[in-house]
Amino acid sequence: MSSAKYITREGYNRLEQELRQLWKEERPAITKSVQEAAAQGDRSENADYIYGKRRLREIDRRVRYLTQRLDGMTIVDRLPDNPDRIYFGAWVTVEDQNGQTHRWRIVGADELDPSQGHISIDSPVARALLGHHEDDEVTVATPQGKTRYTVTLIEYKVTP
């Protein structure tokens, strides 16, 4: 299953910055060090050369991925028409059946960061929450069984 092609403005800017840094700064520096290592002679036992070539392949692979991924993205950078419902980009606060509170932001797969409370729009929790209002009960099937959440707050914070 391919992931949704939605991304927040912050996420897009972060990926674009990574691409720029890899292409304009890191790749030229590694290329220069590989050229210097190659000029030293025997490449088969030259660790700088071998590491540099490997790192160039990693950079090129990541640059290709980011270029293709960013090309097809839809940037969601405005409030939804109905901010009372849960849509992409929303910060959602829920209470589980044990009374514990959780706060998540529904973001694109490339922005996934559980430590920041960012969950992918492709996740079962996000898919179950989409379209709901405050005070709605949502049931999510998890590997541990079904978990019931009550939506307590929906917020949108759009940055320019």
N, C-alpha and C. Protein backbone atom coordinates (compact mmCIF):
# COMPACT_ATOMS: atom_id res chain seq x y z
N MET A 1 0.85 -1.18 0.00
CA MET A 1 0.00 0.00 0.00
C MET A 1 0.89 1.24 0.00
N SER A 2 0.67 2.14 -0.93
CA SER A 2 1.47 3.35 -0.97
C SER A 2 0.88 4.37 0.00
N SER A 3 1.74 5.23 0.50
CA SER A 3 1.30 6.20 1.48
C SER A 3 0.66 7.40 0.80
N ALA A 4 -0.16 8.10 1.57
CA ALA A 4 -0.84 9.29 1.06
C ALA A 4 0.18 10.33 0.63
N LYS A 5 -0.16 11.09 -0.38
CA LYS A 5 0.76 12.09 -0.92
C LYS A 5 0.46 13.48 -0.35
N TYR A 6 0.07 13.53 0.91
CA TYR A 6 -0.18 14.81 1.59
C TYR A 6 0.97 15.10 2.53
N ILE A 7 1.25 16.40 2.69
CA ILE A 7 2.32 16.82 3.59
C ILE A 7 1.99 18.22 4.09
N THR A 8 2.37 18.50 5.32
CA THR A 8 2.18 19.85 5.85
C THR A 8 3.25 20.76 5.27
N ARG A 9 3.05 22.06 5.36
CA ARG A 9 4.04 23.02 4.86
C ARG A 9 5.36 22.82 5.61
N GLU A 10 5.28 22.61 6.94
CA GLU A 10 6.50 22.41 7.73
C GLU A 10 7.26 21.17 7.27
N GLY A 11 6.53 20.09 7.02
CA GLY A 11 7.15 18.85 6.57
C GLY A 11 7.79 19.00 5.21
N TYR A 12 7.10 19.69 4.31
CA TYR A 12 7.64 19.92 2.96
C TYR A 12 8.92 20.73 3.05
N ASN A 13 8.89 21.79 3.84
CA ASN A 13 10.09 22.64 3.99
C ASN A 13 11.26 21.85 4.56
N ARG A 14 10.98 20.97 5.52
CA ARG A 14 12.03 20.16 6.14
C ARG A 14 12.67 19.21 5.12
N LEU A 15 11.83 18.54 4.32
CA LEU A 15 12.36 17.62 3.30
C LEU A 15 13.11 18.38 2.21
N GLU A 16 12.58 19.55 1.83
CA GLU A 16 13.24 20.37 0.82
C GLU A 16 14.61 20.85 1.32
N GLN A 17 14.69 21.20 2.60
CA GLN A 17 15.96 21.62 3.20
C GLN A 17 16.96 20.46 3.22
N GLU A 18 16.47 19.26 3.56
CA GLU A 18 17.35 18.08 3.56
C GLU A 18 17.90 17.84 2.15
N LEU A 19 17.03 17.92 1.15
CA LEU A 19 17.45 17.73 -0.23
C LEU A 19 18.51 18.76 -0.63
N ARG A 20 18.26 20.00 -0.31
CA ARG A 20 19.20 21.08 -0.63
C ARG A 20 20.55 20.86 0.06
N GLN A 21 20.51 20.46 1.33
CA GLN A 21 21.74 20.24 2.10
C GLN A 21 22.54 19.08 1.52
N LEU A 22 21.85 17.99 1.17
CA LEU A 22 22.54 16.84 0.57
C LEU A 22 23.17 17.20 -0.77
N TRP A 23 22.40 17.89 -1.61
CA TRP A 23 22.84 18.15 -2.98
C TRP A 23 23.85 19.28 -3.07
N LYS A 24 23.68 20.33 -2.32
CA LYS A 24 24.54 21.52 -2.44
C LYS A 24 25.74 21.50 -1.50
N GLU A 25 25.65 20.79 -0.38
CA GLU A 25 26.74 20.84 0.60
C GLU A 25 27.44 19.49 0.76
N GLU A 26 26.67 18.48 1.16
CA GLU A 26 27.31 17.21 1.49
C GLU A 26 27.88 16.49 0.27
N ARG A 27 27.11 16.42 -0.81
CA ARG A 27 27.58 15.69 -1.99
C ARG A 27 28.85 16.30 -2.58
N PRO A 28 28.91 17.63 -2.76
CA PRO A 28 30.17 18.20 -3.28
C PRO A 28 31.37 17.94 -2.37
N ALA A 29 31.18 17.98 -1.06
CA ALA A 29 32.29 17.73 -0.14
C ALA A 29 32.78 16.29 -0.23
N ILE A 30 31.85 15.34 -0.30
CA ILE A 30 32.21 13.92 -0.41
C ILE A 30 32.87 13.65 -1.77
N THR A 31 32.35 14.26 -2.83
CA THR A 31 32.94 14.09 -4.17
C THR A 31 34.38 14.56 -4.18
N LYS A 32 34.64 15.69 -3.54
CA LYS A 32 36.01 16.21 -3.48
C LYS A 32 36.92 15.25 -2.72
N SER A 33 36.44 14.70 -1.58
CA SER A 33 37.28 13.78 -0.80
C SER A 33 37.54 12.48 -1.56
N VAL A 34 36.56 12.02 -2.34
CA VAL A 34 36.75 10.81 -3.16
C VAL A 34 37.79 11.07 -4.24
N GLN A 35 37.73 12.23 -4.86
CA GLN A 35 38.73 12.58 -5.88
C GLN A 35 40.13 12.63 -5.29
N GLU A 36 40.23 13.21 -4.11
CA GLU A 36 41.55 13.28 -3.45
C GLU A 36 42.05 11.88 -3.08
N ALA A 37 41.14 11.03 -2.59
CA ALA A 37 41.53 9.67 -2.23
C ALA A 37 41.93 8.87 -3.47
N ALA A 38 41.22 9.08 -4.58
CA ALA A 38 41.53 8.37 -5.82
C ALA A 38 42.90 8.78 -6.36
N ALA A 39 43.29 10.01 -6.12
CA ALA A 39 44.58 10.49 -6.61
C ALA A 39 45.76 9.87 -5.87
N GLN A 40 45.49 9.23 -4.73
CA GLN A 40 46.55 8.63 -3.93
C GLN A 40 47.01 7.29 -4.47
N GLY A 41 46.33 6.77 -5.45
CA GLY A 41 46.78 5.51 -6.04
C GLY A 41 45.82 4.36 -5.81
N ASP A 42 46.31 3.26 -5.27
CA ASP A 42 45.55 2.01 -5.11
C ASP A 42 44.22 2.26 -4.39
N ARG A 43 43.13 2.10 -5.12
CA ARG A 43 41.80 2.35 -4.56
C ARG A 43 41.24 1.16 -3.80
N SER A 44 41.73 -0.03 -4.06
CA SER A 44 41.16 -1.24 -3.45
C SER A 44 41.37 -1.29 -1.94
N GLU A 45 42.41 -0.63 -1.45
CA GLU A 45 42.68 -0.65 -0.01
C GLU A 45 42.61 0.74 0.61
N ASN A 46 42.03 1.67 -0.11
CA ASN A 46 41.93 3.04 0.36
C ASN A 46 40.57 3.23 1.04
N ALA A 47 40.57 3.29 2.37
CA ALA A 47 39.33 3.38 3.14
C ALA A 47 38.57 4.67 2.84
N ASP A 48 39.27 5.78 2.67
CA ASP A 48 38.60 7.05 2.36
C ASP A 48 37.86 6.96 1.03
N TYR A 49 38.49 6.31 0.06
CA TYR A 49 37.87 6.16 -1.25
C TYR A 49 36.64 5.25 -1.16
N ILE A 50 36.80 4.10 -0.51
CA ILE A 50 35.70 3.13 -0.40
C ILE A 50 34.52 3.72 0.37
N TYR A 51 34.82 4.34 1.52
CA TYR A 51 33.75 4.97 2.31
C TYR A 51 33.08 6.09 1.51
N GLY A 52 33.88 6.91 0.86
CA GLY A 52 33.35 8.03 0.09
C GLY A 52 32.42 7.59 -1.03
N LYS A 53 32.81 6.54 -1.74
CA LYS A 53 31.96 6.03 -2.83
C LYS A 53 30.65 5.48 -2.26
N ARG A 54 30.75 4.78 -1.14
CA ARG A 54 29.54 4.24 -0.50
C ARG A 54 28.62 5.38 -0.06
N ARG A 55 29.20 6.41 0.54
CA ARG A 55 28.40 7.55 1.00
C ARG A 55 27.78 8.29 -0.17
N LEU A 56 28.49 8.40 -1.29
CA LEU A 56 27.91 9.03 -2.48
C LEU A 56 26.69 8.25 -2.98
N ARG A 57 26.78 6.92 -2.96
CA ARG A 57 25.63 6.11 -3.38
C ARG A 57 24.44 6.34 -2.45
N GLU A 58 24.71 6.42 -1.14
CA GLU A 58 23.63 6.68 -0.17
C GLU A 58 22.99 8.05 -0.42
N ILE A 59 23.83 9.06 -0.63
CA ILE A 59 23.32 10.41 -0.90
C ILE A 59 22.50 10.43 -2.17
N ASP A 60 23.02 9.81 -3.24
CA ASP A 60 22.29 9.80 -4.52
C ASP A 60 20.95 9.09 -4.39
N ARG A 61 20.93 8.00 -3.64
CA ARG A 61 19.68 7.26 -3.43
C ARG A 61 18.67 8.14 -2.69
N ARG A 62 19.12 8.83 -1.64
CA ARG A 62 18.23 9.69 -0.86
C ARG A 62 17.77 10.90 -1.68
N VAL A 63 18.67 11.47 -2.49
CA VAL A 63 18.31 12.60 -3.35
C VAL A 63 17.24 12.17 -4.35
N ARG A 64 17.41 11.00 -4.97
CA ARG A 64 16.40 10.49 -5.91
C ARG A 64 15.06 10.31 -5.22
N TYR A 65 15.07 9.70 -4.04
CA TYR A 65 13.83 9.47 -3.28
C TYR A 65 13.15 10.80 -2.96
N LEU A 66 13.90 11.75 -2.41
CA LEU A 66 13.32 13.03 -2.03
C LEU A 66 12.78 13.79 -3.24
N THR A 67 13.53 13.76 -4.33
CA THR A 67 13.09 14.45 -5.54
C THR A 67 11.77 13.88 -6.05
N GLN A 68 11.68 12.56 -6.12
CA GLN A 68 10.44 11.92 -6.59
C GLN A 68 9.30 12.14 -5.61
N ARG A 69 9.59 12.03 -4.33
CA ARG A 69 8.55 12.16 -3.31
C ARG A 69 8.01 13.59 -3.27
N LEU A 70 8.89 14.57 -3.28
CA LEU A 70 8.44 15.97 -3.21
C LEU A 70 7.68 16.38 -4.47
N ASP A 71 8.05 15.80 -5.61
CA ASP A 71 7.42 16.15 -6.87
C ASP A 71 5.92 15.86 -6.87
N GLY A 72 5.50 14.79 -6.23
CA GLY A 72 4.09 14.42 -6.28
C GLY A 72 3.28 14.81 -5.06
N MET A 73 3.87 15.59 -4.15
CA MET A 73 3.20 15.93 -2.90
C MET A 73 2.14 17.01 -3.06
N THR A 74 1.10 16.90 -2.24
CA THR A 74 0.10 17.94 -2.12
C THR A 74 0.33 18.60 -0.77
N ILE A 75 0.68 19.88 -0.79
CA ILE A 75 0.96 20.60 0.45
C ILE A 75 -0.37 21.10 1.02
N VAL A 76 -0.64 20.70 2.25
CA VAL A 76 -1.86 21.15 2.94
C VAL A 76 -1.42 22.26 3.89
N ASP A 77 -1.71 23.50 3.50
CA ASP A 77 -1.25 24.62 4.32
C ASP A 77 -2.34 25.65 4.58
N ARG A 78 -3.57 25.19 4.61
CA ARG A 78 -4.67 26.08 4.95
C ARG A 78 -5.65 25.34 5.85
N LEU A 79 -6.46 26.12 6.54
CA LEU A 79 -7.47 25.52 7.42
C LEU A 79 -8.54 24.84 6.59
N PRO A 80 -9.11 23.75 7.11
CA PRO A 80 -10.21 23.12 6.38
C PRO A 80 -11.45 24.01 6.43
N ASP A 81 -12.38 23.76 5.54
CA ASP A 81 -13.62 24.54 5.51
C ASP A 81 -14.41 24.36 6.81
N ASN A 82 -14.32 23.17 7.41
CA ASN A 82 -15.02 22.91 8.66
C ASN A 82 -14.01 22.48 9.72
N PRO A 83 -13.45 23.42 10.49
CA PRO A 83 -12.43 23.08 11.49
C PRO A 83 -12.99 22.35 12.71
N ASP A 84 -14.28 22.07 12.72
CA ASP A 84 -14.87 21.30 13.82
C ASP A 84 -14.72 19.80 13.60
N ARG A 85 -14.24 19.42 12.45
CA ARG A 85 -14.03 18.01 12.12
C ARG A 85 -12.54 17.73 12.02
N ILE A 86 -12.18 16.46 12.15
CA ILE A 86 -10.78 16.05 12.08
C ILE A 86 -10.40 15.78 10.63
N TYR A 87 -9.39 16.52 10.18
CA TYR A 87 -8.84 16.35 8.84
C TYR A 87 -7.32 16.32 8.95
N PHE A 88 -6.67 16.15 7.83
CA PHE A 88 -5.22 16.15 7.76
C PHE A 88 -4.67 17.44 8.39
N GLY A 89 -3.62 17.30 9.19
CA GLY A 89 -2.98 18.45 9.82
C GLY A 89 -3.54 18.82 11.18
N ALA A 90 -4.62 18.20 11.58
CA ALA A 90 -5.25 18.53 12.87
C ALA A 90 -4.44 18.00 14.04
N TRP A 91 -4.43 18.77 15.12
CA TRP A 91 -3.96 18.30 16.42
C TRP A 91 -5.21 17.78 17.11
N VAL A 92 -5.18 16.52 17.51
CA VAL A 92 -6.35 15.88 18.10
C VAL A 92 -5.99 15.39 19.50
N THR A 93 -6.81 15.76 20.47
CA THR A 93 -6.64 15.26 21.83
C THR A 93 -7.77 14.28 22.08
N VAL A 94 -7.39 13.10 22.54
CA VAL A 94 -8.37 12.05 22.82
C VAL A 94 -8.15 11.50 24.23
N GLU A 95 -9.20 10.88 24.74
CA GLU A 95 -9.08 10.18 26.01
C GLU A 95 -9.41 8.72 25.74
N ASP A 96 -8.55 7.82 26.20
CA ASP A 96 -8.81 6.40 25.96
C ASP A 96 -9.72 5.84 27.04
N GLN A 97 -10.07 4.57 26.92
CA GLN A 97 -11.01 3.93 27.83
C GLN A 97 -10.49 3.83 29.26
N ASN A 98 -9.17 4.03 29.45
CA ASN A 98 -8.57 4.00 30.78
C ASN A 98 -8.43 5.39 31.38
N GLY A 99 -8.93 6.40 30.68
CA GLY A 99 -8.87 7.76 31.18
C GLY A 99 -7.58 8.50 30.86
N GLN A 100 -6.69 7.86 30.08
CA GLN A 100 -5.44 8.52 29.70
C GLN A 100 -5.67 9.43 28.50
N THR A 101 -5.00 10.58 28.52
CA THR A 101 -5.12 11.55 27.44
C THR A 101 -3.95 11.39 26.48
N HIS A 102 -4.24 11.48 25.20
CA HIS A 102 -3.23 11.41 24.14
C HIS A 102 -3.46 12.60 23.21
N ARG A 103 -2.37 13.16 22.70
CA ARG A 103 -2.46 14.28 21.75
C ARG A 103 -1.61 13.94 20.53
N TRP A 104 -2.25 13.94 19.37
CA TRP A 104 -1.57 13.58 18.14
C TRP A 104 -1.84 14.63 17.06
N ARG A 105 -0.89 14.73 16.14
CA ARG A 105 -1.13 15.52 14.93
C ARG A 105 -1.12 14.56 13.76
N ILE A 106 -2.12 14.67 12.92
CA ILE A 106 -2.23 13.80 11.74
C ILE A 106 -1.43 14.44 10.61
N VAL A 107 -0.37 13.74 10.19
CA VAL A 107 0.56 14.26 9.19
C VAL A 107 0.82 13.21 8.11
N GLY A 108 1.60 13.58 7.12
CA GLY A 108 1.98 12.65 6.06
C GLY A 108 2.99 11.63 6.54
N ALA A 109 3.12 10.55 5.80
CA ALA A 109 4.03 9.46 6.18
C ALA A 109 5.48 9.93 6.32
N ASP A 110 5.87 10.93 5.55
CA ASP A 110 7.24 11.43 5.60
C ASP A 110 7.51 12.28 6.83
N GLU A 111 6.46 12.62 7.57
CA GLU A 111 6.60 13.48 8.74
C GLU A 111 6.43 12.70 10.05
N LEU A 112 6.21 11.43 9.95
CA LEU A 112 5.95 10.59 11.12
C LEU A 112 7.03 10.78 12.17
N ASP A 113 6.61 11.12 13.39
CA ASP A 113 7.54 11.31 14.51
C ASP A 113 6.77 11.12 15.82
N PRO A 114 6.67 9.88 16.29
CA PRO A 114 5.91 9.62 17.51
C PRO A 114 6.38 10.44 18.71
N SER A 115 7.67 10.77 18.79
CA SER A 115 8.17 11.54 19.92
C SER A 115 7.59 12.96 19.94
N GLN A 116 7.16 13.46 18.78
CA GLN A 116 6.53 14.78 18.69
C GLN A 116 5.01 14.69 18.66
N GLY A 117 4.47 13.46 18.72
CA GLY A 117 3.03 13.27 18.66
C GLY A 117 2.49 13.26 17.25
N HIS A 118 3.37 13.12 16.26
CA HIS A 118 2.96 13.10 14.86
C HIS A 118 2.66 11.66 14.44
N ILE A 119 1.43 11.42 13.99
CA ILE A 119 1.06 10.10 13.49
C ILE A 119 0.70 10.21 12.01
N SER A 120 0.97 9.16 11.28
CA SER A 120 0.74 9.16 9.84
C SER A 120 -0.75 9.08 9.54
N ILE A 121 -1.15 9.79 8.50
CA ILE A 121 -2.53 9.73 8.04
C ILE A 121 -2.91 8.31 7.61
N ASP A 122 -1.89 7.49 7.31
CA ASP A 122 -2.12 6.11 6.89
C ASP A 122 -2.29 5.15 8.07
N SER A 123 -2.06 5.63 9.30
CA SER A 123 -2.15 4.75 10.46
C SER A 123 -3.61 4.43 10.78
N PRO A 124 -3.85 3.28 11.41
CA PRO A 124 -5.22 2.92 11.77
C PRO A 124 -5.88 3.95 12.68
N VAL A 125 -5.13 4.53 13.61
CA VAL A 125 -5.70 5.53 14.52
C VAL A 125 -6.14 6.76 13.73
N ALA A 126 -5.27 7.28 12.87
CA ALA A 126 -5.62 8.47 12.09
C ALA A 126 -6.79 8.21 11.17
N ARG A 127 -6.78 7.06 10.50
CA ARG A 127 -7.90 6.75 9.60
C ARG A 127 -9.22 6.68 10.35
N ALA A 128 -9.19 6.14 11.58
CA ALA A 128 -10.41 6.05 12.38
C ALA A 128 -10.88 7.43 12.85
N LEU A 129 -9.94 8.34 13.11
CA LEU A 129 -10.30 9.67 13.62
C LEU A 129 -10.83 10.61 12.54
N LEU A 130 -10.36 10.45 11.30
CA LEU A 130 -10.72 11.38 10.23
C LEU A 130 -12.24 11.56 10.11
N GLY A 131 -12.64 12.83 10.05
CA GLY A 131 -14.04 13.17 9.86
C GLY A 131 -14.86 13.28 11.13
N HIS A 132 -14.30 12.91 12.26
CA HIS A 132 -15.06 12.96 13.51
C HIS A 132 -15.02 14.34 14.16
N HIS A 133 -15.94 14.55 15.11
CA HIS A 133 -16.07 15.80 15.85
C HIS A 133 -15.64 15.59 17.30
N GLU A 134 -15.57 16.71 18.04
CA GLU A 134 -15.34 16.61 19.48
C GLU A 134 -16.50 15.85 20.10
N ASP A 135 -16.20 15.08 21.12
CA ASP A 135 -17.14 14.23 21.88
C ASP A 135 -17.54 12.96 21.15
N ASP A 136 -17.06 12.74 19.92
CA ASP A 136 -17.33 11.49 19.22
C ASP A 136 -16.49 10.37 19.84
N GLU A 137 -17.06 9.18 19.86
CA GLU A 137 -16.30 8.00 20.27
C GLU A 137 -15.82 7.28 19.02
N VAL A 138 -14.55 6.87 19.06
CA VAL A 138 -13.94 6.21 17.91
C VAL A 138 -13.32 4.91 18.41
N THR A 139 -13.57 3.82 17.69
CA THR A 139 -12.97 2.53 18.04
C THR A 139 -11.91 2.19 17.01
N VAL A 140 -10.74 1.80 17.51
CA VAL A 140 -9.61 1.48 16.64
C VAL A 140 -9.18 0.04 16.92
N ALA A 141 -9.05 -0.74 15.86
CA ALA A 141 -8.54 -2.10 15.99
C ALA A 141 -7.02 -2.04 16.06
N THR A 142 -6.46 -2.55 17.13
CA THR A 142 -5.01 -2.58 17.31
C THR A 142 -4.59 -4.03 17.51
N PRO A 143 -3.28 -4.30 17.44
CA PRO A 143 -2.82 -5.68 17.68
C PRO A 143 -3.21 -6.20 19.07
N GLN A 144 -3.37 -5.28 20.03
CA GLN A 144 -3.75 -5.68 21.38
C GLN A 144 -5.26 -5.83 21.55
N GLY A 145 -6.00 -5.51 20.52
CA GLY A 145 -7.47 -5.58 20.58
C GLY A 145 -8.05 -4.22 20.21
N LYS A 146 -9.33 -4.08 20.44
CA LYS A 146 -9.99 -2.81 20.11
C LYS A 146 -9.79 -1.81 21.23
N THR A 147 -9.47 -0.57 20.83
CA THR A 147 -9.31 0.51 21.78
C THR A 147 -10.31 1.60 21.43
N ARG A 148 -10.97 2.10 22.47
CA ARG A 148 -11.98 3.14 22.27
C ARG A 148 -11.41 4.48 22.74
N TYR A 149 -11.58 5.50 21.91
CA TYR A 149 -11.13 6.85 22.23
C TYR A 149 -12.32 7.80 22.15
N THR A 150 -12.30 8.81 23.00
CA THR A 150 -13.26 9.90 22.92
C THR A 150 -12.50 11.15 22.52
N VAL A 151 -12.94 11.80 21.46
CA VAL A 151 -12.29 13.01 20.98
C VAL A 151 -12.65 14.15 21.92
N THR A 152 -11.63 14.78 22.52
CA THR A 152 -11.89 15.87 23.47
C THR A 152 -11.55 17.25 22.92
N LEU A 153 -10.65 17.31 21.92
CA LEU A 153 -10.26 18.62 21.38
C LEU A 153 -9.70 18.45 19.97
N ILE A 154 -10.07 19.38 19.09
CA ILE A 154 -9.54 19.43 17.72
C ILE A 154 -8.97 20.83 17.52
N GLU A 155 -7.70 20.90 17.10
CA GLU A 155 -7.06 22.19 16.86
C GLU A 155 -6.32 22.16 15.53
N TYR A 156 -6.27 23.32 14.90
CA TYR A 156 -5.48 23.48 13.68
C TYR A 156 -4.54 24.66 13.88
N LYS A 157 -3.29 24.44 13.57
CA LYS A 157 -2.29 25.51 13.63
C LYS A 157 -1.58 25.50 12.29
N VAL A 158 -1.88 26.46 11.46
CA VAL A 158 -1.27 26.51 10.15
C VAL A 158 -0.22 27.60 10.17
N THR A 159 1.01 27.23 9.78
CA THR A 159 2.09 28.20 9.72
C THR A 159 2.29 28.67 8.29
N PRO A 160 2.65 29.93 8.13
CA PRO A 160 2.82 30.48 6.78
C PRO A 160 4.03 29.92 6.07
